[in-house]
N, C-alpha and C. Protein backbone atom coordinates (compact mmCIF):
# COMPACT_ATOMS: atom_id res chain seq x y z
N MET A 1 18.36 -34.73 -14.88
CA MET A 1 17.75 -35.72 -15.74
C MET A 1 16.27 -35.84 -15.43
N ARG A 2 15.90 -35.86 -14.14
CA ARG A 2 14.51 -36.00 -13.74
C ARG A 2 13.69 -34.80 -14.21
N THR A 3 14.27 -33.58 -14.12
CA THR A 3 13.60 -32.38 -14.58
C THR A 3 13.32 -32.46 -16.07
N THR A 4 14.26 -32.97 -16.83
CA THR A 4 14.10 -33.11 -18.28
C THR A 4 12.94 -34.04 -18.60
N LYS A 5 12.83 -35.15 -17.88
CA LYS A 5 11.75 -36.11 -18.11
C LYS A 5 10.39 -35.48 -17.76
N ILE A 6 10.35 -34.73 -16.68
CA ILE A 6 9.09 -34.08 -16.28
C ILE A 6 8.68 -33.06 -17.33
N LEU A 7 9.63 -32.24 -17.78
CA LEU A 7 9.31 -31.24 -18.79
C LEU A 7 8.88 -31.89 -20.10
N ALA A 8 9.53 -32.98 -20.50
CA ALA A 8 9.16 -33.69 -21.72
C ALA A 8 7.75 -34.26 -21.59
N SER A 9 7.41 -34.79 -20.42
CA SER A 9 6.07 -35.33 -20.20
C SER A 9 5.02 -34.23 -20.26
N ILE A 10 5.31 -33.10 -19.64
CA ILE A 10 4.37 -31.98 -19.66
C ILE A 10 4.17 -31.48 -21.09
N LEU A 11 5.25 -31.37 -21.85
CA LEU A 11 5.17 -30.93 -23.23
C LEU A 11 4.33 -31.90 -24.06
N ALA A 12 4.53 -33.18 -23.88
CA ALA A 12 3.77 -34.19 -24.63
C ALA A 12 2.29 -34.13 -24.27
N ILE A 13 1.98 -34.02 -22.98
CA ILE A 13 0.59 -33.96 -22.55
C ILE A 13 -0.07 -32.68 -23.04
N SER A 14 0.63 -31.56 -22.96
CA SER A 14 0.04 -30.30 -23.41
C SER A 14 -0.18 -30.30 -24.91
N THR A 15 0.69 -30.95 -25.67
CA THR A 15 0.50 -31.06 -27.12
C THR A 15 -0.76 -31.85 -27.43
N VAL A 16 -0.97 -32.96 -26.74
CA VAL A 16 -2.17 -33.77 -26.93
C VAL A 16 -3.40 -32.95 -26.51
N ALA A 17 -3.31 -32.23 -25.40
CA ALA A 17 -4.45 -31.45 -24.91
C ALA A 17 -4.81 -30.34 -25.89
N CYS A 18 -3.82 -29.72 -26.49
CA CYS A 18 -4.08 -28.64 -27.43
C CYS A 18 -4.74 -29.15 -28.71
N THR A 19 -4.42 -30.34 -29.11
CA THR A 19 -5.00 -30.89 -30.34
C THR A 19 -6.33 -31.57 -30.09
N ALA A 20 -6.72 -31.75 -28.83
CA ALA A 20 -7.94 -32.47 -28.50
C ALA A 20 -9.16 -31.57 -28.39
N GLY A 21 -9.05 -30.31 -28.72
CA GLY A 21 -10.21 -29.41 -28.67
C GLY A 21 -10.14 -28.50 -27.47
N ASN A 22 -11.23 -28.39 -26.77
CA ASN A 22 -11.34 -27.45 -25.65
C ASN A 22 -10.97 -28.10 -24.32
N SER A 23 -9.90 -28.82 -24.28
CA SER A 23 -9.47 -29.47 -23.04
C SER A 23 -8.65 -28.51 -22.21
N VAL A 24 -8.60 -28.76 -20.92
CA VAL A 24 -7.81 -27.95 -20.01
C VAL A 24 -6.87 -28.88 -19.26
N LEU A 25 -5.61 -28.47 -19.17
CA LEU A 25 -4.61 -29.25 -18.46
C LEU A 25 -4.14 -28.45 -17.27
N ALA A 26 -4.15 -29.03 -16.11
CA ALA A 26 -3.67 -28.36 -14.91
C ALA A 26 -2.81 -29.33 -14.12
N TYR A 27 -1.68 -28.83 -13.63
CA TYR A 27 -0.81 -29.64 -12.81
C TYR A 27 -0.38 -28.80 -11.63
N ASP A 28 -0.44 -29.35 -10.47
CA ASP A 28 -0.11 -28.62 -9.25
C ASP A 28 1.36 -28.83 -8.91
N PHE A 29 2.21 -27.91 -9.37
CA PHE A 29 3.62 -27.97 -9.04
C PHE A 29 3.83 -27.51 -7.61
N PRO A 30 4.69 -28.16 -6.85
CA PRO A 30 4.96 -27.67 -5.50
C PRO A 30 5.69 -26.33 -5.57
N ILE A 31 5.20 -25.35 -4.80
CA ILE A 31 5.81 -24.03 -4.76
C ILE A 31 6.61 -23.90 -3.48
N PRO A 32 7.89 -23.51 -3.59
CA PRO A 32 8.68 -23.33 -2.37
C PRO A 32 7.99 -22.35 -1.42
N GLU A 33 8.06 -22.62 -0.13
CA GLU A 33 7.35 -21.84 0.87
C GLU A 33 7.72 -20.37 0.82
N GLU A 34 8.99 -20.04 0.61
CA GLU A 34 9.39 -18.63 0.63
C GLU A 34 8.77 -17.85 -0.52
N ILE A 35 8.54 -18.47 -1.67
CA ILE A 35 7.89 -17.80 -2.78
C ILE A 35 6.41 -17.64 -2.48
N SER A 36 5.79 -18.67 -1.98
CA SER A 36 4.36 -18.65 -1.68
C SER A 36 4.05 -17.56 -0.66
N VAL A 37 4.83 -17.43 0.38
CA VAL A 37 4.60 -16.42 1.42
C VAL A 37 4.79 -15.02 0.84
N LEU A 38 5.80 -14.82 0.01
CA LEU A 38 6.06 -13.52 -0.60
C LEU A 38 4.87 -13.09 -1.45
N GLU A 39 4.33 -13.99 -2.27
CA GLU A 39 3.22 -13.64 -3.14
C GLU A 39 1.96 -13.35 -2.35
N GLN A 40 1.74 -14.04 -1.25
CA GLN A 40 0.53 -13.83 -0.46
C GLN A 40 0.58 -12.51 0.29
N ASN A 41 1.74 -12.11 0.75
CA ASN A 41 1.85 -10.92 1.59
C ASN A 41 2.10 -9.64 0.81
N ASP A 42 2.57 -9.73 -0.43
CA ASP A 42 2.95 -8.54 -1.20
C ASP A 42 1.86 -8.23 -2.22
N THR A 43 0.87 -7.43 -1.80
CA THR A 43 -0.25 -7.12 -2.68
C THR A 43 -0.25 -5.67 -3.14
N SER A 44 0.81 -4.92 -2.88
CA SER A 44 0.84 -3.52 -3.29
C SER A 44 1.12 -3.41 -4.78
N LEU A 45 0.60 -2.33 -5.37
CA LEU A 45 0.83 -2.09 -6.78
C LEU A 45 2.26 -1.66 -7.02
N ARG A 46 2.78 -2.04 -8.15
CA ARG A 46 4.13 -1.63 -8.53
C ARG A 46 4.02 -0.69 -9.72
N TYR A 47 4.70 0.43 -9.64
CA TYR A 47 4.73 1.38 -10.72
C TYR A 47 6.13 1.47 -11.28
N THR A 48 6.23 1.92 -12.51
CA THR A 48 7.53 2.07 -13.15
C THR A 48 8.22 3.35 -12.69
N TYR A 49 7.46 4.45 -12.61
CA TYR A 49 8.04 5.75 -12.30
C TYR A 49 7.59 6.31 -10.95
N ILE A 50 6.45 5.88 -10.44
CA ILE A 50 5.91 6.41 -9.20
C ILE A 50 6.43 5.60 -8.02
N SER A 51 7.17 6.28 -7.14
CA SER A 51 7.70 5.64 -5.95
C SER A 51 6.63 5.56 -4.86
N SER A 52 5.95 6.69 -4.62
CA SER A 52 4.83 6.69 -3.67
C SER A 52 3.83 7.76 -4.10
N PHE A 53 2.58 7.46 -3.82
CA PHE A 53 1.49 8.34 -4.20
C PHE A 53 0.36 8.05 -3.24
N THR A 54 0.15 8.96 -2.25
CA THR A 54 -0.74 8.65 -1.15
C THR A 54 -1.68 9.81 -0.84
N PRO A 55 -2.97 9.69 -1.21
CA PRO A 55 -3.94 10.70 -0.78
C PRO A 55 -4.46 10.37 0.61
N ALA A 56 -4.81 11.40 1.39
CA ALA A 56 -5.33 11.19 2.74
C ALA A 56 -6.26 12.33 3.11
N ILE A 57 -7.20 12.03 4.02
CA ILE A 57 -8.12 13.04 4.54
C ILE A 57 -8.40 12.70 6.00
N THR A 58 -8.61 13.74 6.81
CA THR A 58 -8.97 13.53 8.21
C THR A 58 -10.41 14.01 8.44
N SER A 59 -11.01 13.55 9.50
CA SER A 59 -12.39 13.94 9.80
C SER A 59 -12.50 15.41 10.21
N SER A 60 -11.37 16.05 10.50
CA SER A 60 -11.40 17.48 10.85
C SER A 60 -11.20 18.38 9.63
N GLY A 61 -10.94 17.79 8.45
CA GLY A 61 -10.88 18.60 7.23
C GLY A 61 -9.51 18.83 6.64
N SER A 62 -8.49 18.12 7.09
CA SER A 62 -7.18 18.22 6.44
C SER A 62 -7.14 17.21 5.30
N ILE A 63 -6.73 17.68 4.12
CA ILE A 63 -6.64 16.82 2.95
C ILE A 63 -5.27 17.02 2.32
N ARG A 64 -4.67 15.92 1.86
CA ARG A 64 -3.34 16.05 1.28
C ARG A 64 -3.05 14.89 0.36
N VAL A 65 -2.06 15.08 -0.49
CA VAL A 65 -1.52 14.01 -1.31
C VAL A 65 -0.02 14.24 -1.44
N ASN A 66 0.74 13.18 -1.29
CA ASN A 66 2.18 13.21 -1.49
C ASN A 66 2.50 12.42 -2.74
N ILE A 67 3.41 12.92 -3.55
CA ILE A 67 3.85 12.22 -4.75
C ILE A 67 5.37 12.19 -4.76
N SER A 68 5.93 11.05 -5.07
CA SER A 68 7.37 10.90 -5.19
C SER A 68 7.65 9.95 -6.35
N LEU A 69 8.56 10.35 -7.21
CA LEU A 69 8.92 9.54 -8.38
C LEU A 69 10.30 8.94 -8.19
N TYR A 70 10.56 7.84 -8.90
CA TYR A 70 11.88 7.22 -8.85
C TYR A 70 12.91 8.05 -9.60
N GLU A 71 12.48 8.72 -10.66
CA GLU A 71 13.39 9.52 -11.49
C GLU A 71 12.91 10.96 -11.51
N ARG A 72 13.72 11.84 -11.98
CA ARG A 72 13.38 13.27 -12.01
C ARG A 72 12.54 13.62 -13.23
N TYR A 73 11.41 12.96 -13.36
CA TYR A 73 10.45 13.27 -14.41
C TYR A 73 9.45 14.30 -13.89
N ASP A 74 8.74 14.93 -14.82
CA ASP A 74 7.70 15.87 -14.46
C ASP A 74 6.40 15.11 -14.18
N TYR A 75 5.53 15.73 -13.41
CA TYR A 75 4.23 15.14 -13.13
C TYR A 75 3.19 16.26 -13.02
N SER A 76 1.95 15.87 -13.16
CA SER A 76 0.83 16.74 -12.79
C SER A 76 -0.10 15.91 -11.93
N VAL A 77 -0.49 16.48 -10.81
CA VAL A 77 -1.35 15.75 -9.87
C VAL A 77 -2.56 16.62 -9.53
N THR A 78 -3.71 15.98 -9.46
CA THR A 78 -4.94 16.64 -9.06
C THR A 78 -5.47 15.95 -7.81
N LEU A 79 -5.82 16.73 -6.80
CA LEU A 79 -6.40 16.23 -5.57
C LEU A 79 -7.83 16.73 -5.50
N GLU A 80 -8.77 15.82 -5.31
CA GLU A 80 -10.18 16.20 -5.22
C GLU A 80 -10.76 15.81 -3.87
N LEU A 81 -11.61 16.68 -3.35
CA LEU A 81 -12.41 16.38 -2.17
C LEU A 81 -13.74 15.86 -2.68
N GLU A 82 -14.10 14.64 -2.28
CA GLU A 82 -15.37 14.05 -2.70
C GLU A 82 -16.28 13.86 -1.49
N GLN A 83 -17.57 14.08 -1.71
CA GLN A 83 -18.58 13.89 -0.67
C GLN A 83 -19.57 12.84 -1.15
N TYR A 84 -20.00 12.00 -0.23
CA TYR A 84 -20.98 10.95 -0.55
C TYR A 84 -22.36 11.58 -0.47
N ILE A 85 -22.99 11.74 -1.66
CA ILE A 85 -24.27 12.42 -1.75
C ILE A 85 -25.24 11.55 -2.56
N GLY A 86 -26.37 11.22 -1.96
CA GLY A 86 -27.41 10.49 -2.69
C GLY A 86 -26.97 9.15 -3.26
N GLY A 87 -26.07 8.47 -2.58
CA GLY A 87 -25.66 7.14 -3.02
C GLY A 87 -24.45 7.09 -3.92
N SER A 88 -23.82 8.24 -4.20
CA SER A 88 -22.60 8.21 -5.02
C SER A 88 -21.64 9.31 -4.58
N TRP A 89 -20.40 9.19 -4.98
CA TRP A 89 -19.36 10.16 -4.63
C TRP A 89 -19.36 11.28 -5.65
N GLU A 90 -19.36 12.52 -5.14
CA GLU A 90 -19.34 13.70 -6.01
C GLU A 90 -18.18 14.60 -5.61
N SER A 91 -17.45 15.08 -6.63
CA SER A 91 -16.34 16.00 -6.40
C SER A 91 -16.90 17.37 -6.03
N ILE A 92 -16.40 17.93 -4.90
CA ILE A 92 -16.90 19.24 -4.46
C ILE A 92 -15.81 20.30 -4.41
N ASP A 93 -14.54 19.90 -4.54
CA ASP A 93 -13.43 20.86 -4.58
C ASP A 93 -12.21 20.14 -5.14
N SER A 94 -11.27 20.91 -5.71
CA SER A 94 -10.06 20.28 -6.25
C SER A 94 -8.88 21.25 -6.23
N TRP A 95 -7.68 20.67 -6.24
CA TRP A 95 -6.43 21.41 -6.26
C TRP A 95 -5.51 20.72 -7.25
N TYR A 96 -4.59 21.50 -7.82
CA TYR A 96 -3.74 20.99 -8.90
C TYR A 96 -2.29 21.39 -8.64
N LEU A 97 -1.37 20.52 -9.01
CA LEU A 97 0.05 20.80 -8.84
C LEU A 97 0.85 20.18 -9.97
N ASP A 98 1.71 20.98 -10.58
CA ASP A 98 2.72 20.48 -11.52
C ASP A 98 4.04 20.47 -10.79
N GLY A 99 4.86 19.47 -11.05
CA GLY A 99 6.15 19.44 -10.38
C GLY A 99 7.12 18.50 -11.04
N ASN A 100 8.24 18.32 -10.36
CA ASN A 100 9.31 17.46 -10.84
C ASN A 100 9.83 16.66 -9.65
N TYR A 101 9.81 15.36 -9.79
CA TYR A 101 10.39 14.40 -8.84
C TYR A 101 9.52 14.14 -7.61
N ARG A 102 9.14 15.18 -6.86
CA ARG A 102 8.28 14.97 -5.68
C ARG A 102 7.55 16.26 -5.32
N GLY A 103 6.44 16.09 -4.59
CA GLY A 103 5.68 17.26 -4.18
C GLY A 103 4.52 16.88 -3.28
N THR A 104 3.85 17.90 -2.74
CA THR A 104 2.75 17.70 -1.82
C THR A 104 1.70 18.78 -2.04
N ILE A 105 0.45 18.36 -2.03
CA ILE A 105 -0.67 19.30 -1.92
C ILE A 105 -1.24 19.08 -0.53
N SER A 106 -1.39 20.15 0.23
CA SER A 106 -1.94 20.05 1.58
C SER A 106 -2.88 21.22 1.80
N GLU A 107 -4.14 20.92 2.11
CA GLU A 107 -5.16 21.96 2.24
C GLU A 107 -6.03 21.67 3.46
N SER A 108 -6.76 22.72 3.90
CA SER A 108 -7.78 22.57 4.93
C SER A 108 -9.13 22.82 4.27
N CYS A 109 -10.10 21.99 4.62
CA CYS A 109 -11.44 22.07 4.03
C CYS A 109 -12.47 22.24 5.13
N SER A 110 -13.56 22.89 4.78
CA SER A 110 -14.71 22.95 5.69
C SER A 110 -15.60 21.77 5.37
N LEU A 111 -15.72 20.88 6.32
CA LEU A 111 -16.55 19.69 6.14
C LEU A 111 -17.81 19.82 6.99
N GLU A 112 -18.91 19.32 6.46
CA GLU A 112 -20.19 19.36 7.17
C GLU A 112 -20.26 18.17 8.13
N SER A 113 -20.47 18.45 9.41
CA SER A 113 -20.49 17.41 10.44
C SER A 113 -21.48 16.30 10.09
N GLY A 114 -21.03 15.05 10.24
CA GLY A 114 -21.87 13.89 9.99
C GLY A 114 -21.86 13.41 8.56
N GLU A 115 -21.29 14.19 7.64
CA GLU A 115 -21.24 13.80 6.22
C GLU A 115 -19.97 12.98 5.93
N ARG A 116 -20.03 12.12 4.91
CA ARG A 116 -18.89 11.27 4.54
C ARG A 116 -18.09 11.91 3.41
N TYR A 117 -16.76 11.85 3.55
CA TYR A 117 -15.85 12.44 2.57
C TYR A 117 -14.69 11.48 2.29
N ARG A 118 -14.06 11.70 1.16
CA ARG A 118 -12.82 11.00 0.84
C ARG A 118 -12.00 11.87 -0.09
N ALA A 119 -10.71 11.54 -0.19
CA ALA A 119 -9.81 12.22 -1.11
C ALA A 119 -9.62 11.32 -2.33
N ARG A 120 -9.64 11.93 -3.49
CA ARG A 120 -9.35 11.22 -4.75
C ARG A 120 -8.20 11.98 -5.39
N ALA A 121 -7.16 11.27 -5.79
CA ALA A 121 -6.02 11.92 -6.42
C ALA A 121 -5.63 11.14 -7.68
N TYR A 122 -5.27 11.88 -8.69
CA TYR A 122 -4.76 11.22 -9.89
C TYR A 122 -3.54 11.97 -10.40
N VAL A 123 -2.65 11.21 -11.00
CA VAL A 123 -1.36 11.76 -11.43
C VAL A 123 -1.03 11.26 -12.83
N ASP A 124 -0.40 12.14 -13.60
CA ASP A 124 0.21 11.79 -14.88
C ASP A 124 1.70 12.06 -14.75
N VAL A 125 2.53 11.12 -15.20
CA VAL A 125 3.98 11.28 -15.19
C VAL A 125 4.43 11.44 -16.63
N TYR A 126 5.29 12.44 -16.87
CA TYR A 126 5.75 12.77 -18.22
C TYR A 126 7.24 12.49 -18.38
N ASP A 127 7.61 11.94 -19.52
CA ASP A 127 9.04 11.74 -19.80
C ASP A 127 9.66 13.05 -20.28
N ASP A 128 10.91 13.00 -20.69
CA ASP A 128 11.63 14.20 -21.12
C ASP A 128 11.04 14.85 -22.37
N TYR A 129 10.21 14.12 -23.10
CA TYR A 129 9.60 14.64 -24.33
C TYR A 129 8.16 15.11 -24.12
N GLY A 130 7.69 15.07 -22.87
CA GLY A 130 6.35 15.51 -22.56
C GLY A 130 5.27 14.46 -22.82
N VAL A 131 5.69 13.22 -23.02
CA VAL A 131 4.76 12.13 -23.27
C VAL A 131 4.40 11.48 -21.93
N ILE A 132 3.10 11.22 -21.72
CA ILE A 132 2.67 10.56 -20.49
C ILE A 132 3.16 9.11 -20.51
N VAL A 133 3.94 8.76 -19.49
CA VAL A 133 4.49 7.41 -19.40
C VAL A 133 3.83 6.58 -18.31
N GLU A 134 3.09 7.25 -17.43
CA GLU A 134 2.39 6.52 -16.37
C GLU A 134 1.28 7.40 -15.80
N SER A 135 0.15 6.78 -15.48
CA SER A 135 -0.99 7.48 -14.87
C SER A 135 -1.63 6.55 -13.86
N THR A 136 -2.17 7.13 -12.80
CA THR A 136 -2.91 6.32 -11.85
C THR A 136 -3.85 7.20 -11.04
N THR A 137 -4.83 6.57 -10.45
CA THR A 137 -5.78 7.24 -9.55
C THR A 137 -5.85 6.44 -8.26
N LYS A 138 -5.87 7.15 -7.14
CA LYS A 138 -6.00 6.50 -5.84
C LYS A 138 -7.02 7.25 -5.00
N TYR A 139 -7.62 6.52 -4.05
CA TYR A 139 -8.60 7.08 -3.13
C TYR A 139 -8.13 6.87 -1.70
N SER A 140 -8.45 7.82 -0.84
CA SER A 140 -8.20 7.62 0.58
C SER A 140 -9.36 6.81 1.15
N ALA A 141 -9.22 6.42 2.39
CA ALA A 141 -10.35 5.83 3.10
C ALA A 141 -11.38 6.94 3.34
N ALA A 142 -12.64 6.57 3.40
CA ALA A 142 -13.70 7.54 3.68
C ALA A 142 -13.72 7.88 5.16
N VAL A 143 -14.05 9.13 5.46
CA VAL A 143 -14.17 9.57 6.85
C VAL A 143 -15.51 10.27 7.04
N THR A 144 -16.00 10.25 8.26
CA THR A 144 -17.21 11.01 8.61
C THR A 144 -16.76 12.26 9.36
N ALA A 145 -17.18 13.39 8.85
CA ALA A 145 -16.74 14.67 9.43
C ALA A 145 -17.25 14.83 10.85
N ARG A 146 -16.41 15.45 11.71
CA ARG A 146 -16.79 15.71 13.10
C ARG A 146 -17.59 16.97 13.22
């Protein structure tokens, strides 16, 4: 009964606010602690078809990307080696892989000592009809070559 009265009051106030022009209505509902903690701690992106997609690079020149899908769809993934040159990131090498369900690109690169590098990877996921159903791009952390 109390919930019904609260909802009726909110509906009445919001109706008045909507007809009054550019008014804003805000009410601070108490949020249960377990929901609040979950929302604060869970900041990872959620994908429909991509289970994991992780590019990485080491300061010694190993570069890789792992891709794993929830379903056995096809994908195409491109891994790029980027170098920080003149104030911006520039692609200096790339590798490509087509696959189904999961895969890895793993390469060794010659890096110039003292220069900054990162891995950039992007993926397209295709349904059974060859239509792209999901795409994303991710970057690794930047490293300074040894």
